[in-house]
PDB file of N, CA and C in Angstrom:
ATOM      1  N   MET A   1      -2.654  15.241   5.194  1.00  0.00           N
ATOM      2  CA  MET A   1      -3.756  15.292   4.045  1.00  0.00           C
ATOM      3  C   MET A   1      -3.472  15.002   2.737  1.00  0.00           C
ATOM      4  N   PHE A   2      -1.894  15.112   2.355  1.00  0.00           N
ATOM      5  CA  PHE A   2      -1.441  14.957   0.984  1.00  0.00           C
ATOM      6  C   PHE A   2      -1.405  13.376   0.959  1.00  0.00           C
ATOM      7  N   PHE A   3      -1.185  12.398   1.864  1.00  0.00           N
ATOM      8  CA  PHE A   3      -1.180  11.135   1.535  1.00  0.00           C
ATOM      9  C   PHE A   3      -2.279  10.496   1.406  1.00  0.00           C
ATOM     10  N   THR A   4      -3.347  10.874   2.350  1.00  0.00           N
ATOM     11  CA  THR A   4      -4.805  10.602   1.993  1.00  0.00           C
ATOM     12  C   THR A   4      -5.437  10.825   0.710  1.00  0.00           C
ATOM     13  N   LEU A   5      -4.830  12.266   0.553  1.00  0.00           N
ATOM     14  CA  LEU A   5      -5.405  12.464  -1.292  1.00  0.00           C
ATOM     15  C   LEU A   5      -4.850  11.683  -2.326  1.00  0.00           C
ATOM     16  N   VAL A   6      -3.272  11.066  -2.055  1.00  0.00           N
ATOM     17  CA  VAL A   6      -2.593  10.685  -2.867  1.00  0.00           C
ATOM     18  C   VAL A   6      -3.281   8.965  -3.019  1.00  0.00           C
ATOM     19  N   GLY A   7      -3.592   8.690  -1.788  1.00  0.00           N
ATOM     20  CA  GLY A   7      -4.195   7.394  -1.678  1.00  0.00           C
ATOM     21  C   GLY A   7      -5.536   6.946  -2.137  1.00  0.00           C
ATOM     22  N   PHE A   8      -6.410   8.087  -2.192  1.00  0.00           N
ATOM     23  CA  PHE A   8      -7.739   8.219  -2.918  1.00  0.00           C
ATOM     24  C   PHE A   8      -7.839   8.384  -4.088  1.00  0.00           C
ATOM     25  N   SER A   9      -6.822   9.267  -4.787  1.00  0.00           N
ATOM     26  CA  SER A   9      -6.637   9.182  -6.227  1.00  0.00           C
ATOM     27  C   SER A   9      -6.018   8.112  -6.570  1.00  0.00           C
ATOM     28  N   LEU A  10      -5.211   7.274  -5.992  1.00  0.00           N
ATOM     29  CA  LEU A  10      -4.627   5.990  -6.543  1.00  0.00           C
ATOM     30  C   LEU A  10      -6.125   4.751  -6.504  1.00  0.00           C
ATOM     31  N   ALA A  11      -6.851   5.048  -5.467  1.00  0.00           N
ATOM     32  CA  ALA A  11      -8.112   4.396  -5.675  1.00  0.00           C
ATOM     33  C   ALA A  11      -9.016   4.459  -6.683  1.00  0.00           C
ATOM     34  N   SER A  12      -9.047   5.891  -7.039  1.00  0.00           N
ATOM     35  CA  SER A  12     -10.074   6.514  -8.025  1.00  0.00           C
ATOM     36  C   SER A  12      -9.325   5.593  -9.324  1.00  0.00           C
ATOM     37  N   LEU A  13      -8.070   5.583  -9.333  1.00  0.00           N
ATOM     38  CA  LEU A  13      -7.273   5.274 -10.836  1.00  0.00           C
ATOM     39  C   LEU A  13      -7.568   3.658 -10.771  1.00  0.00           C
ATOM     40  N   SER A  14      -7.298   2.756  -9.690  1.00  0.00           N
ATOM     41  CA  SER A  14      -7.625   1.372 -10.036  1.00  0.00           C
ATOM     42  C   SER A  14      -9.462   0.941  -9.870  1.00  0.00           C
ATOM     43  N   ALA A  15      -9.989   2.039  -9.507  1.00  0.00           N
ATOM     44  CA  ALA A  15     -11.466   1.568 -10.273  1.00  0.00           C
ATOM     45  C   ALA A  15     -11.684   2.121 -11.432  1.00  0.00           C
ATOM     46  N   ALA A  16     -11.158   3.360 -11.624  1.00  0.00           N
ATOM     47  CA  ALA A  16     -11.379   3.479 -13.381  1.00  0.00           C
ATOM     48  C   ALA A  16     -10.864   2.114 -14.091  1.00  0.00           C
ATOM     49  N   LEU A  17      -9.680   1.764 -13.780  1.00  0.00           N
ATOM     50  CA  LEU A  17      -8.813   0.552 -14.616  1.00  0.00           C
ATOM     51  C   LEU A  17      -9.770  -0.678 -14.686  1.00  0.00           C
ATOM     52  N   GLU A  18     -10.421  -0.926 -13.425  1.00  0.00           N
ATOM     53  CA  GLU A  18     -11.509  -2.128 -13.164  1.00  0.00           C
ATOM     54  C   GLU A  18     -12.842  -1.850 -14.234  1.00  0.00           C
ATOM     55  N   ILE A  19     -13.242  -0.429 -14.311  1.00  0.00           N
ATOM     56  CA  ILE A  19     -14.252  -0.584 -14.864  1.00  0.00           C
ATOM     57  C   ILE A  19     -14.131  -0.525 -16.434  1.00  0.00           C
ATOM     58  N   SER A  20     -13.041   0.082 -16.852  1.00  0.00           N
ATOM     59  CA  SER A  20     -12.704   0.259 -18.327  1.00  0.00           C
ATOM     60  C   SER A  20     -12.507  -0.867 -18.711  1.00  0.00           C
ATOM     61  N   SER A  21     -11.659  -1.706 -17.922  1.00  0.00           N
ATOM     62  CA  SER A  21     -11.188  -2.956 -18.426  1.00  0.00           C
ATOM     63  C   SER A  21     -12.405  -4.209 -18.454  1.00  0.00           C
ATOM     64  N   GLY A  22     -13.484  -3.891 -17.844  1.00  0.00           N
ATOM     65  CA  GLY A  22     -14.595  -4.743 -17.743  1.00  0.00           C
ATOM     66  C   GLY A  22     -15.477  -4.316 -19.287  1.00  0.00           C
ATOM     67  N   ALA A  23     -15.558  -3.263 -19.330  1.00  0.00           N
ATOM     68  CA  ALA A  23     -16.053  -2.687 -20.395  1.00  0.00           C
ATOM     69  C   ALA A  23     -15.645  -3.175 -21.933  1.00  0.00           C
ATOM     70  N   TYR A  24     -14.055  -2.981 -22.070  1.00  0.00           N
ATOM     71  CA  TYR A  24     -13.132  -2.999 -22.899  1.00  0.00           C
ATOM     72  C   TYR A  24     -13.473  -4.803 -23.300  1.00  0.00           C
ATOM     73  N   ALA A  25     -13.446  -5.495 -22.329  1.00  0.00           N
ATOM     74  CA  ALA A  25     -14.036  -6.980 -22.474  1.00  0.00           C
ATOM     75  C   ALA A  25     -15.304  -7.281 -22.791  1.00  0.00           C
ATOM     76  N   GLN A  26     -16.403  -6.552 -22.785  1.00  0.00           N
ATOM     77  CA  GLN A  26     -17.622  -6.821 -23.151  1.00  0.00           C
ATOM     78  C   GLN A  26     -17.753  -6.213 -24.887  1.00  0.00           C
ATOM     79  N   PHE A  27     -16.978  -5.221 -24.928  1.00  0.00           N
ATOM     80  CA  PHE A  27     -17.040  -4.899 -26.321  1.00  0.00           C
ATOM     81  C   PHE A  27     -16.000  -5.391 -27.520  1.00  0.00           C
ATOM     82  N   ARG A  28     -15.034  -6.342 -26.841  1.00  0.00           N
ATOM     83  CA  ARG A  28     -14.133  -7.000 -27.440  1.00  0.00           C
ATOM     84  C   ARG A  28     -14.625  -8.079 -27.909  1.00  0.00           C
ATOM     85  N   GLU A  29     -14.467  -8.449 -29.388  1.00  0.00           N
ATOM     86  CA  GLU A  29     -15.133  -9.621 -30.127  1.00  0.00           C
ATOM     87  C   GLU A  29     -14.436 -11.069 -29.332  1.00  0.00           C
ATOM     88  N   GLY A  30     -15.267 -11.929 -28.760  1.00  0.00           N
ATOM     89  CA  GLY A  30     -14.640 -12.981 -27.831  1.00  0.00           C
ATOM     90  C   GLY A  30     -14.269 -12.644 -26.772  1.00  0.00           C
ATOM     91  N   GLY A  31     -14.229 -11.585 -26.379  1.00  0.00           N
ATOM     92  CA  GLY A  31     -13.533 -11.294 -24.775  1.00  0.00           C
ATOM     93  C   GLY A  31     -11.930 -11.546 -24.802  1.00  0.00           C
ATOM     94  N   PHE A  32     -11.579 -11.970 -23.362  1.00  0.00           N
ATOM     95  CA  PHE A  32     -10.260 -12.037 -23.387  1.00  0.00           C
ATOM     96  C   PHE A  32     -10.290 -13.604 -23.259  1.00  0.00           C
ATOM     97  N   PRO A  33      -9.136 -14.264 -23.976  1.00  0.00           N
ATOM     98  CA  PRO A  33      -8.652 -15.573 -23.812  1.00  0.00           C
ATOM     99  C   PRO A  33      -8.212 -15.740 -22.520  1.00  0.00           C
ATOM    100  N   PHE A  34      -8.206 -17.030 -22.503  1.00  0.00           N
ATOM    101  CA  PHE A  34      -7.677 -17.629 -20.870  1.00  0.00           C
ATOM    102  C   PHE A  34      -5.918 -17.152 -20.798  1.00  0.00           C
ATOM    103  N   ASN A  35      -5.582 -16.859 -19.352  1.00  0.00           N
ATOM    104  CA  ASN A  35      -4.323 -16.629 -19.553  1.00  0.00           C
ATOM    105  C   ASN A  35      -3.926 -15.261 -20.427  1.00  0.00           C
ATOM    106  N   ASP A  36      -4.725 -14.287 -20.814  1.00  0.00           N
ATOM    107  CA  ASP A  36      -4.044 -13.495 -21.854  1.00  0.00           C
ATOM    108  C   ASP A  36      -3.016 -12.573 -21.263  1.00  0.00           C
ATOM    109  N   PRO A  37      -2.021 -12.276 -22.131  1.00  0.00           N
ATOM    110  CA  PRO A  37      -1.169 -11.177 -21.001  1.00  0.00           C
ATOM    111  C   PRO A  37      -1.575  -9.780 -20.945  1.00  0.00           C
ATOM    112  N   THR A  38      -2.389  -9.371 -21.918  1.00  0.00           N
ATOM    113  CA  THR A  38      -3.121  -7.992 -21.477  1.00  0.00           C
ATOM    114  C   THR A  38      -3.730  -7.938 -20.418  1.00  0.00           C
ATOM    115  N   LEU A  39      -4.817  -9.070 -19.993  1.00  0.00           N
ATOM    116  CA  LEU A  39      -5.463  -8.997 -18.872  1.00  0.00           C
ATOM    117  C   LEU A  39      -4.614  -9.104 -17.792  1.00  0.00           C
ATOM    118  N   LEU A  40      -3.595  -9.797 -17.625  1.00  0.00           N
ATOM    119  CA  LEU A  40      -2.850 -10.081 -16.558  1.00  0.00           C
ATOM    120  C   LEU A  40      -1.748  -8.987 -16.385  1.00  0.00           C
ATOM    121  N   ARG A  41      -1.648  -8.158 -17.087  1.00  0.00           N
ATOM    122  CA  ARG A  41      -1.129  -6.885 -17.151  1.00  0.00           C
ATOM    123  C   ARG A  41      -1.770  -5.663 -16.442  1.00  0.00           C
ATOM    124  N   ILE A  42      -3.297  -6.040 -17.141  1.00  0.00           N
ATOM    125  CA  ILE A  42      -4.476  -4.900 -15.962  1.00  0.00           C
ATOM    126  C   ILE A  42      -4.267  -5.457 -15.076  1.00  0.00           C
ATOM    127  N   TYR A  43      -4.741  -6.674 -14.657  1.00  0.00           N
ATOM    128  CA  TYR A  43      -4.629  -7.051 -13.049  1.00  0.00           C
ATOM    129  C   TYR A  43      -3.390  -6.780 -12.452  1.00  0.00           C
ATOM    130  N   PHE A  44      -2.474  -7.050 -12.818  1.00  0.00           N
ATOM    131  CA  PHE A  44      -1.006  -6.514 -12.141  1.00  0.00           C
ATOM    132  C   PHE A  44      -1.105  -4.756 -11.691  1.00  0.00           C
ATOM    133  N   PHE A  45      -1.409  -4.053 -12.686  1.00  0.00           N
ATOM    134  CA  PHE A  45      -1.408  -2.623 -12.317  1.00  0.00           C
ATOM    135  C   PHE A  45      -2.632  -2.174 -11.528  1.00  0.00           C
ATOM    136  N   GLY A  46      -3.597  -2.844 -11.878  1.00  0.00           N
ATOM    137  CA  GLY A  46      -4.745  -2.452 -10.773  1.00  0.00           C
ATOM    138  C   GLY A  46      -4.799  -2.999  -9.382  1.00  0.00           C
ATOM    139  N   PHE A  47      -4.283  -4.031  -9.281  1.00  0.00           N
ATOM    140  CA  PHE A  47      -3.512  -4.623  -7.902  1.00  0.00           C
ATOM    141  C   PHE A  47      -2.423  -3.563  -7.188  1.00  0.00           C
ATOM    142  N   TRP A  48      -1.477  -3.185  -7.961  1.00  0.00           N
ATOM    143  CA  TRP A  48      -0.402  -2.368  -7.631  1.00  0.00           C
ATOM    144  C   TRP A  48      -0.846  -0.969  -7.118  1.00  0.00           C
ATOM    145  N   PHE A  49      -2.001  -0.183  -8.123  1.00  0.00           N
ATOM    146  CA  PHE A  49      -2.224   0.880  -7.718  1.00  0.00           C
ATOM    147  C   PHE A  49      -3.078   1.065  -6.520  1.00  0.00           C
ATOM    148  N   ALA A  50      -4.018  -0.331  -6.255  1.00  0.00           N
ATOM    149  CA  ALA A  50      -4.535  -0.455  -5.040  1.00  0.00           C
ATOM    150  C   ALA A  50      -3.484  -0.407  -3.886  1.00  0.00           C
ATOM    151  N   PHE A  51      -2.721  -1.136  -3.991  1.00  0.00           N
ATOM    152  CA  PHE A  51      -1.701  -1.551  -2.816  1.00  0.00           C
ATOM    153  C   PHE A  51      -0.747  -0.134  -2.477  1.00  0.00           C
ATOM    154  N   LEU A  52      -0.784   0.554  -3.386  1.00  0.00           N
ATOM    155  CA  LEU A  52       0.262   1.866  -2.917  1.00  0.00           C
ATOM    156  C   LEU A  52      -0.554   2.869  -2.643  1.00  0.00           C
ATOM    157  N   GLY A  53      -1.791   2.954  -2.965  1.00  0.00           N
ATOM    158  CA  GLY A  53      -2.873   3.808  -2.463  1.00  0.00           C
ATOM    159  C   GLY A  53      -3.244   3.370  -1.080  1.00  0.00           C
ATOM    160  N   LEU A  54      -2.975   2.212  -0.598  1.00  0.00           N
ATOM    161  CA  LEU A  54      -3.388   1.914   0.738  1.00  0.00           C
ATOM    162  C   LEU A  54      -2.143   1.998   1.415  1.00  0.00           C
ATOM    163  N   LEU A  55      -0.775   1.840   0.896  1.00  0.00           N
ATOM    164  CA  LEU A  55       0.426   2.340   2.005  1.00  0.00           C
ATOM    165  C   LEU A  55       0.016   3.903   1.977  1.00  0.00           C
ATOM    166  N   CYS A  56      -0.309   4.437   1.106  1.00  0.00           N
ATOM    167  CA  CYS A  56      -0.226   6.150   1.403  1.00  0.00           C
ATOM    168  C   CYS A  56      -1.412   6.298   2.045  1.00  0.00           C
ATOM    169  N   SER A  57      -2.597   5.997   2.204  1.00  0.00           N
ATOM    170  CA  SER A  57      -3.506   6.366   2.729  1.00  0.00           C
ATOM    171  C   SER A  57      -3.427   5.972   4.397  1.00  0.00           C
ATOM    172  N   LEU A  58      -2.933   4.732   4.339  1.00  0.00           N
ATOM    173  CA  LEU A  58      -2.288   4.439   5.831  1.00  0.00           C
ATOM    174  C   LEU A  58      -1.442   5.485   6.445  1.00  0.00           C
ATOM    175  N   ILE A  59      -0.670   5.755   5.828  1.00  0.00           N
ATOM    176  CA  ILE A  59       0.300   6.800   6.166  1.00  0.00           C
ATOM    177  C   ILE A  59      -0.733   8.296   6.517  1.00  0.00           C
ATOM    178  N   GLY A  60      -1.362   8.561   5.875  1.00  0.00           N
ATOM    179  CA  GLY A  60      -2.379   9.692   6.069  1.00  0.00           C
ATOM    180  C   GLY A  60      -3.530   9.287   7.084  1.00  0.00           C
ATOM    181  N   VAL A  61      -3.496   8.480   7.745  1.00  0.00           N
ATOM    182  CA  VAL A  61      -4.838   7.943   8.460  1.00  0.00           C
ATOM    183  C   VAL A  61      -4.650   9.075   9.774  1.00  0.00           C
ATOM    184  N   GLY A  62      -3.636   9.399   9.989  1.00  0.00           N
ATOM    185  CA  GLY A  62      -3.566  10.342  11.254  1.00  0.00           C
ATOM    186  C   GLY A  62      -3.812  11.854  10.787  1.00  0.00           C
ATOM    187  N   SER A  63      -4.104  12.249   9.778  1.00  0.00           N
ATOM    188  CA  SER A  63      -4.450  13.509   9.622  1.00  0.00           C
ATOM    189  C   SER A  63      -6.169  13.951   9.548  1.00  0.00           C
ATOM    190  N   LYS A  64      -6.327  15.000   9.719  1.00  0.00           N
ATOM    191  CA  LYS A  64      -7.857  15.267  10.240  1.00  0.00           C
ATOM    192  C   LYS A  64      -8.876  15.619   8.791  1.00  0.00           C
ATOM    193  N   THR A  65      -8.626  14.861   7.944  1.00  0.00           N
ATOM    194  CA  THR A  65      -9.800  14.976   6.512  1.00  0.00           C
ATOM    195  C   THR A  65     -10.899  13.826   6.788  1.00  0.00           C
ATOM    196  N   PRO A  66     -11.776  14.055   5.804  1.00  0.00           N
ATOM    197  CA  PRO A  66     -12.843  13.416   5.693  1.00  0.00           C
ATOM    198  C   PRO A  66     -12.359  12.048   4.972  1.00  0.00           C
ATOM    199  N   LEU A  67     -11.241  11.948   4.364  1.00  0.00           N
ATOM    200  CA  LEU A  67     -10.994  10.596   3.594  1.00  0.00           C
ATOM    201  C   LEU A  67     -10.146   9.759   4.319  1.00  0.00           C
ATOM    202  N   ARG A  68      -9.930   9.983   5.751  1.00  0.00           N
ATOM    203  CA  ARG A  68      -8.681   9.572   6.511  1.00  0.00           C
ATOM    204  C   ARG A  68      -9.397   8.100   6.282  1.00  0.00           C
ATOM    205  N   PHE A  69     -10.440   7.501   6.752  1.00  0.00           N
ATOM    206  CA  PHE A  69     -11.014   6.245   7.187  1.00  0.00           C
ATOM    207  C   PHE A  69     -11.605   5.782   5.664  1.00  0.00           C
ATOM    208  N   LYS A  70     -12.134   6.459   5.066  1.00  0.00           N
ATOM    209  CA  LYS A  70     -13.149   5.929   3.545  1.00  0.00           C
ATOM    210  C   LYS A  70     -11.769   5.218   2.378  1.00  0.00           C
ATOM    211  N   ALA A  71     -10.659   5.830   2.460  1.00  0.00           N
ATOM    212  CA  ALA A  71      -9.684   5.778   1.422  1.00  0.00           C
ATOM    213  C   ALA A  71      -9.093   4.353   1.920  1.00  0.00           C
ATOM    214  N   PRO A  72      -8.455   4.050   2.872  1.00  0.00           N
ATOM    215  CA  PRO A  72      -8.355   2.592   3.209  1.00  0.00           C
ATOM    216  C   PRO A  72      -8.905   1.550   3.066  1.00  0.00           C
ATOM    217  N   ALA A  73     -10.457   1.926   3.398  1.00  0.00           N
ATOM    218  CA  ALA A  73     -11.639   0.680   3.129  1.00  0.00           C
ATOM    219  C   ALA A  73     -11.698   0.745   1.761  1.00  0.00           C
ATOM    220  N   LEU A  74     -11.752   1.492   0.907  1.00  0.00           N
ATOM    221  CA  LEU A  74     -12.054   1.652  -0.389  1.00  0.00           C
ATOM    222  C   LEU A  74     -10.953   0.770  -1.182  1.00  0.00           C
ATOM    223  N   LEU A  75      -9.831   1.098  -0.717  1.00  0.00           N
ATOM    224  CA  LEU A  75      -8.416   0.471  -1.250  1.00  0.00           C
ATOM    225  C   LEU A  75      -8.565  -1.200  -0.958  1.00  0.00           C
ATOM    226  N   LEU A  76      -8.908  -1.195   0.372  1.00  0.00           N
ATOM    227  CA  LEU A  76      -8.934  -2.983   0.987  1.00  0.00           C
ATOM    228  C   LEU A  76      -9.898  -3.550  -0.072  1.00  0.00           C
ATOM    229  N   VAL A  77     -11.046  -2.961  -0.425  1.00  0.00           N
ATOM    230  CA  VAL A  77     -12.394  -3.568  -1.219  1.00  0.00           C
ATOM    231  C   VAL A  77     -11.239  -3.652  -2.764  1.00  0.00           C
ATOM    232  N   LEU A  78     -10.826  -2.939  -3.322  1.00  0.00           N
ATOM    233  CA  LEU A  78     -10.360  -2.968  -4.327  1.00  0.00           C
ATOM    234  C   LEU A  78      -9.513  -4.005  -4.594  1.00  0.00           C
ATOM    235  N   MET A  79      -8.270  -4.363  -3.484  1.00  0.00           N
ATOM    236  CA  MET A  79      -7.193  -5.206  -3.453  1.00  0.00           C
ATOM    237  C   MET A  79      -7.922  -6.476  -3.519  1.00  0.00           C
ATOM    238  N   LEU A  80      -9.032  -6.650  -2.583  1.00  0.00           N
ATOM    239  CA  LEU A  80      -9.606  -7.655  -2.917  1.00  0.00           C
ATOM    240  C   LEU A  80     -10.336  -8.310  -4.066  1.00  0.00           C
ATOM    241  N   LEU A  81     -10.761  -7.371  -4.366  1.00  0.00           N
ATOM    242  CA  LEU A  81     -11.194  -7.533  -6.355  1.00  0.00           C
ATOM    243  C   LEU A  81     -10.836  -7.778  -6.998  1.00  0.00           C
ATOM    244  N   TRP A  82      -9.360  -7.018  -6.870  1.00  0.00           N
ATOM    245  CA  TRP A  82      -8.087  -7.487  -8.008  1.00  0.00           C
ATOM    246  C   TRP A  82      -7.757  -9.018  -7.473  1.00  0.00           C
ATOM    247  N   MET A  83      -7.353  -9.473  -6.349  1.00  0.00           N
ATOM    248  CA  MET A  83      -6.917 -10.541  -6.166  1.00  0.00           C
ATOM    249  C   MET A  83      -8.008 -11.481  -6.399  1.00  0.00           C
ATOM    250  N   GLY A  84      -9.371 -11.512  -6.376  1.00  0.00           N
ATOM    251  CA  GLY A  84     -10.414 -12.443  -6.754  1.00  0.00           C
ATOM    252  C   GLY A  84     -10.370 -12.498  -8.025  1.00  0.00           C
ATOM    253  N   GLN A  85     -10.161 -11.576  -8.851  1.00  0.00           N
ATOM    254  CA  GLN A  85     -10.406 -11.632 -10.289  1.00  0.00           C
ATOM    255  C   GLN A  85      -8.966 -12.354 -10.863  1.00  0.00           C
ATOM    256  N   ALA A  86      -7.863 -12.217 -10.330  1.00  0.00           N
ATOM    257  CA  ALA A  86      -6.649 -13.006 -10.701  1.00  0.00           C
ATOM    258  C   ALA A  86      -6.957 -14.238 -10.458  1.00  0.00           C
ATOM    259  N   MET A  87      -7.500 -14.473  -9.411  1.00  0.00           N
ATOM    260  CA  MET A  87      -7.554 -15.944  -8.602  1.00  0.00           C
ATOM    261  C   MET A  87      -8.432 -16.557  -9.720  1.00  0.00           C
ATOM    262  N   GLY A  88      -9.540 -16.026 -10.279  1.00  0.00           N
ATOM    263  CA  GLY A  88     -10.393 -16.618 -11.106  1.00  0.00           C
ATOM    264  C   GLY A  88      -9.985 -16.982 -12.594  1.00  0.00           C
ATOM    265  N   GLU A  89      -8.629 -16.595 -12.805  1.00  0.00           N
ATOM    266  CA  GLU A  89      -7.999 -16.446 -13.997  1.00  0.00           C
ATOM    267  C   GLU A  89      -7.431 -17.655 -14.292  1.00  0.00           C
TER     268      GLU A  89
END
């Protein structure tokens, strides 16, 4: 149960980083320039939060919790989202 909860918490952290970075880019004058180091750092941390969360949630799949299948699915979607955004950069 602990690993599933940690995985879901990291998924929430990664999703919050995704939403807040998008909001910051909208309100920042001119947005982010191409290959901006700050944006690339956000991509790095967002991807690694999702990756570490996926590892933790896969360890916790054997537990009998409601999040055992939802956390890995959410984290896979977040990892694909971070990779897609990084490739679009």
